[in-house]
Amino acid sequence: MGMNCKSELAKDIEIEVLVATLFLLMTRYANNQEEELVQPIVEHFGWINNHPDLVNPQLKNTCSRLAKHWKFMSFGGPFAIKDNSDKSCIH
């Protein structure tokens, strides 16, 4: 199944299910550092960020920034990268 097809399917899934799945994937990664989990984590951040029910701009910004960090990790880089996005609101 292609990425675009997965993205379209993700729009039909409740955002809470996507967030819960992302938390599970991140927990598994934290426990085992399974490299094959990085790409699904990046995908889930993208799907949440582009979900039609997500209207909170701070959460969209956070998902976008974290997707960049996790994507960078998939290339073997350190977790922290230079990010010029808006950091004015943390909470």
N, C-alpha and C. Protein backbone atom coordinates (compact mmCIF):
# COMPACT_ATOMS: atom_id res chain seq x y z
N MET A 1 0.85 -1.18 0.00
CA MET A 1 0.00 0.00 0.00
C MET A 1 0.89 1.23 0.00
N GLY A 2 0.66 2.15 -0.92
CA GLY A 2 1.47 3.35 -1.05
C GLY A 2 1.22 4.34 0.07
N MET A 3 2.16 5.26 0.22
CA MET A 3 2.07 6.27 1.28
C MET A 3 0.83 7.14 1.12
N ASN A 4 0.50 7.55 -0.12
CA ASN A 4 -0.68 8.39 -0.32
C ASN A 4 -1.95 7.67 0.05
N CYS A 5 -2.01 6.37 -0.26
CA CYS A 5 -3.19 5.59 0.08
C CYS A 5 -3.32 5.48 1.60
N LYS A 6 -2.19 5.23 2.29
CA LYS A 6 -2.20 5.18 3.75
C LYS A 6 -2.65 6.51 4.34
N SER A 7 -2.19 7.61 3.76
CA SER A 7 -2.55 8.94 4.26
C SER A 7 -4.05 9.17 4.13
N GLU A 8 -4.62 8.73 3.03
CA GLU A 8 -6.06 8.89 2.83
C GLU A 8 -6.84 8.04 3.84
N LEU A 9 -6.38 6.83 4.08
CA LEU A 9 -7.04 5.97 5.06
C LEU A 9 -6.94 6.56 6.46
N ALA A 10 -5.81 7.16 6.78
CA ALA A 10 -5.60 7.73 8.11
C ALA A 10 -6.59 8.85 8.41
N LYS A 11 -7.05 9.55 7.38
CA LYS A 11 -8.01 10.63 7.59
C LYS A 11 -9.36 10.12 8.08
N ASP A 12 -9.63 8.83 7.83
CA ASP A 12 -10.89 8.23 8.25
C ASP A 12 -10.81 7.62 9.65
N ILE A 13 -9.63 7.57 10.21
CA ILE A 13 -9.44 7.01 11.55
C ILE A 13 -9.55 8.14 12.57
N GLU A 14 -10.21 7.86 13.69
CA GLU A 14 -10.33 8.87 14.74
C GLU A 14 -8.95 9.31 15.18
N ILE A 15 -8.79 10.61 15.37
CA ILE A 15 -7.48 11.15 15.74
C ILE A 15 -6.98 10.57 17.06
N GLU A 16 -7.90 10.25 17.97
CA GLU A 16 -7.50 9.67 19.26
C GLU A 16 -6.85 8.30 19.06
N VAL A 17 -7.32 7.54 18.07
CA VAL A 17 -6.74 6.23 17.78
C VAL A 17 -5.32 6.40 17.23
N LEU A 18 -5.14 7.39 16.35
CA LEU A 18 -3.81 7.66 15.81
C LEU A 18 -2.84 8.08 16.91
N VAL A 19 -3.29 8.93 17.82
CA VAL A 19 -2.44 9.39 18.92
C VAL A 19 -2.10 8.22 19.85
N ALA A 20 -3.08 7.40 20.18
CA ALA A 20 -2.83 6.24 21.05
C ALA A 20 -1.84 5.28 20.41
N THR A 21 -1.98 5.05 19.11
CA THR A 21 -1.06 4.17 18.40
C THR A 21 0.35 4.76 18.38
N LEU A 22 0.44 6.06 18.17
CA LEU A 22 1.73 6.74 18.19
C LEU A 22 2.40 6.59 19.55
N PHE A 23 1.64 6.77 20.61
CA PHE A 23 2.19 6.61 21.97
C PHE A 23 2.71 5.19 22.17
N LEU A 24 1.96 4.21 21.68
CA LEU A 24 2.39 2.81 21.81
C LEU A 24 3.69 2.57 21.04
N LEU A 25 3.75 3.08 19.80
CA LEU A 25 4.97 2.92 19.00
C LEU A 25 6.17 3.57 19.68
N MET A 26 5.98 4.77 20.21
CA MET A 26 7.08 5.48 20.86
C MET A 26 7.52 4.76 22.14
N THR A 27 6.58 4.18 22.86
CA THR A 27 6.91 3.42 24.06
C THR A 27 7.72 2.18 23.69
N ARG A 28 7.29 1.48 22.64
CA ARG A 28 8.05 0.31 22.17
C ARG A 28 9.46 0.72 21.76
N TYR A 29 9.57 1.85 21.07
CA TYR A 29 10.89 2.32 20.66
C TYR A 29 11.75 2.64 21.89
N ALA A 30 11.17 3.31 22.87
CA ALA A 30 11.91 3.67 24.08
C ALA A 30 12.41 2.42 24.82
N ASN A 31 11.64 1.36 24.77
CA ASN A 31 12.02 0.13 25.47
C ASN A 31 13.07 -0.68 24.72
N ASN A 32 13.01 -0.67 23.37
CA ASN A 32 13.83 -1.61 22.60
C ASN A 32 14.69 -0.97 21.51
N GLN A 33 14.51 0.30 21.24
CA GLN A 33 15.22 0.99 20.16
C GLN A 33 15.17 0.22 18.83
N GLU A 34 13.98 -0.32 18.51
CA GLU A 34 13.79 -1.04 17.26
C GLU A 34 13.75 -0.03 16.11
N GLU A 35 14.76 -0.06 15.25
CA GLU A 35 14.86 0.93 14.18
C GLU A 35 13.69 0.88 13.21
N GLU A 36 13.06 -0.28 13.05
CA GLU A 36 11.93 -0.40 12.12
C GLU A 36 10.69 0.35 12.61
N LEU A 37 10.71 0.84 13.84
CA LEU A 37 9.59 1.62 14.37
C LEU A 37 9.68 3.10 14.01
N VAL A 38 10.86 3.57 13.61
CA VAL A 38 11.04 5.00 13.35
C VAL A 38 10.13 5.47 12.21
N GLN A 39 10.09 4.75 11.10
CA GLN A 39 9.27 5.18 9.97
C GLN A 39 7.78 5.21 10.32
N PRO A 40 7.22 4.19 10.97
CA PRO A 40 5.81 4.29 11.37
C PRO A 40 5.54 5.45 12.33
N ILE A 41 6.52 5.77 13.19
CA ILE A 41 6.35 6.91 14.09
C ILE A 41 6.28 8.21 13.29
N VAL A 42 7.18 8.36 12.32
CA VAL A 42 7.17 9.54 11.46
C VAL A 42 5.84 9.63 10.72
N GLU A 43 5.37 8.51 10.18
CA GLU A 43 4.09 8.49 9.45
C GLU A 43 2.94 8.92 10.35
N HIS A 44 2.92 8.42 11.57
CA HIS A 44 1.82 8.77 12.48
C HIS A 44 1.83 10.26 12.82
N PHE A 45 3.02 10.83 13.05
CA PHE A 45 3.07 12.28 13.28
C PHE A 45 2.50 13.03 12.08
N GLY A 46 2.85 12.60 10.88
CA GLY A 46 2.32 13.24 9.68
C GLY A 46 0.82 13.09 9.55
N TRP A 47 0.32 11.89 9.82
CA TRP A 47 -1.12 11.66 9.71
C TRP A 47 -1.89 12.50 10.73
N ILE A 48 -1.36 12.59 11.94
CA ILE A 48 -2.02 13.41 12.97
C ILE A 48 -1.97 14.87 12.54
N ASN A 49 -0.82 15.33 12.09
CA ASN A 49 -0.65 16.72 11.67
C ASN A 49 -1.61 17.10 10.55
N ASN A 50 -1.89 16.18 9.64
CA ASN A 50 -2.75 16.46 8.49
C ASN A 50 -4.18 15.99 8.67
N HIS A 51 -4.52 15.53 9.85
CA HIS A 51 -5.87 15.01 10.10
C HIS A 51 -6.88 16.16 10.08
N PRO A 52 -8.02 15.94 9.44
CA PRO A 52 -9.02 17.02 9.35
C PRO A 52 -9.59 17.46 10.69
N ASP A 53 -9.51 16.62 11.72
CA ASP A 53 -10.04 17.00 13.04
C ASP A 53 -9.03 17.75 13.91
N LEU A 54 -7.79 17.86 13.45
CA LEU A 54 -6.78 18.58 14.24
C LEU A 54 -6.81 20.05 13.85
N VAL A 55 -7.29 20.88 14.76
CA VAL A 55 -7.39 22.32 14.48
C VAL A 55 -6.46 23.15 15.36
N ASN A 56 -5.88 22.54 16.37
CA ASN A 56 -5.01 23.26 17.30
C ASN A 56 -3.67 23.54 16.64
N PRO A 57 -3.33 24.82 16.41
CA PRO A 57 -2.07 25.14 15.71
C PRO A 57 -0.82 24.74 16.49
N GLN A 58 -0.87 24.79 17.81
CA GLN A 58 0.29 24.40 18.60
C GLN A 58 0.55 22.90 18.47
N LEU A 59 -0.51 22.11 18.47
CA LEU A 59 -0.34 20.66 18.32
C LEU A 59 0.14 20.32 16.91
N LYS A 60 -0.37 21.04 15.90
CA LYS A 60 0.10 20.84 14.53
C LYS A 60 1.59 21.15 14.44
N ASN A 61 2.01 22.25 15.06
CA ASN A 61 3.41 22.64 15.06
C ASN A 61 4.27 21.59 15.76
N THR A 62 3.80 21.10 16.89
CA THR A 62 4.53 20.09 17.64
C THR A 62 4.68 18.80 16.82
N CYS A 63 3.59 18.36 16.19
CA CYS A 63 3.65 17.15 15.37
C CYS A 63 4.63 17.32 14.21
N SER A 64 4.59 18.47 13.60
CA SER A 64 5.49 18.75 12.48
C SER A 64 6.95 18.73 12.93
N ARG A 65 7.24 19.37 14.04
CA ARG A 65 8.61 19.41 14.55
C ARG A 65 9.10 18.03 14.97
N LEU A 66 8.24 17.27 15.66
CA LEU A 66 8.65 15.94 16.09
C LEU A 66 8.82 14.99 14.91
N ALA A 67 8.00 15.13 13.89
CA ALA A 67 8.16 14.30 12.68
C ALA A 67 9.53 14.55 12.06
N LYS A 68 9.96 15.82 12.03
CA LYS A 68 11.28 16.15 11.48
C LYS A 68 12.39 15.50 12.31
N HIS A 69 12.27 15.54 13.62
CA HIS A 69 13.26 14.93 14.49
C HIS A 69 13.34 13.42 14.27
N TRP A 70 12.19 12.77 14.25
CA TRP A 70 12.17 11.32 14.07
C TRP A 70 12.63 10.93 12.66
N LYS A 71 12.28 11.72 11.67
CA LYS A 71 12.74 11.42 10.31
C LYS A 71 14.26 11.53 10.23
N PHE A 72 14.81 12.54 10.87
CA PHE A 72 16.26 12.70 10.91
C PHE A 72 16.91 11.48 11.58
N MET A 73 16.28 10.95 12.61
CA MET A 73 16.79 9.76 13.29
C MET A 73 16.84 8.57 12.33
N SER A 74 15.90 8.50 11.40
CA SER A 74 15.86 7.36 10.48
C SER A 74 17.08 7.36 9.56
N PHE A 75 17.75 8.51 9.44
CA PHE A 75 18.97 8.60 8.64
C PHE A 75 20.21 8.43 9.50
N GLY A 76 20.01 8.04 10.75
CA GLY A 76 21.14 7.78 11.64
C GLY A 76 21.68 8.99 12.36
N GLY A 77 20.96 10.11 12.29
CA GLY A 77 21.42 11.33 12.94
C GLY A 77 21.02 11.38 14.40
N PRO A 78 21.61 12.30 15.14
CA PRO A 78 21.21 12.47 16.53
C PRO A 78 19.79 13.01 16.61
N PHE A 79 19.19 12.88 17.76
CA PHE A 79 17.79 13.26 17.92
C PHE A 79 17.57 14.74 17.72
N ALA A 80 18.48 15.59 18.16
CA ALA A 80 18.29 17.04 18.07
C ALA A 80 18.83 17.57 16.75
N ILE A 81 18.00 18.37 16.04
CA ILE A 81 18.44 19.05 14.82
C ILE A 81 18.02 20.50 14.91
N LYS A 82 18.65 21.33 14.10
CA LYS A 82 18.28 22.75 14.07
C LYS A 82 16.87 22.87 13.51
N ASP A 83 16.02 23.56 14.21
CA ASP A 83 14.62 23.71 13.82
C ASP A 83 14.24 25.18 13.97
N ASN A 84 13.86 25.82 12.87
CA ASN A 84 13.53 27.24 12.89
C ASN A 84 12.03 27.52 13.04
N SER A 85 11.25 26.49 13.37
CA SER A 85 9.82 26.71 13.49
C SER A 85 9.50 27.48 14.78
N ASP A 86 8.26 27.93 14.86
CA ASP A 86 7.82 28.75 15.98
C ASP A 86 7.83 27.97 17.28
N LYS A 87 8.62 28.40 18.25
CA LYS A 87 8.71 27.74 19.55
C LYS A 87 8.13 28.62 20.65
N SER A 88 7.30 29.57 20.29
CA SER A 88 6.83 30.54 21.26
C SER A 88 5.87 29.94 22.28
N CYS A 89 5.24 28.84 21.94
CA CYS A 89 4.28 28.25 22.87
C CYS A 89 4.65 26.79 23.10
N ILE A 90 5.05 26.47 24.31
CA ILE A 90 5.42 25.09 24.64
C ILE A 90 4.21 24.34 25.16
N HIS A 91 3.38 24.97 25.94
CA HIS A 91 2.21 24.30 26.53
C HIS A 91 0.96 25.02 26.14
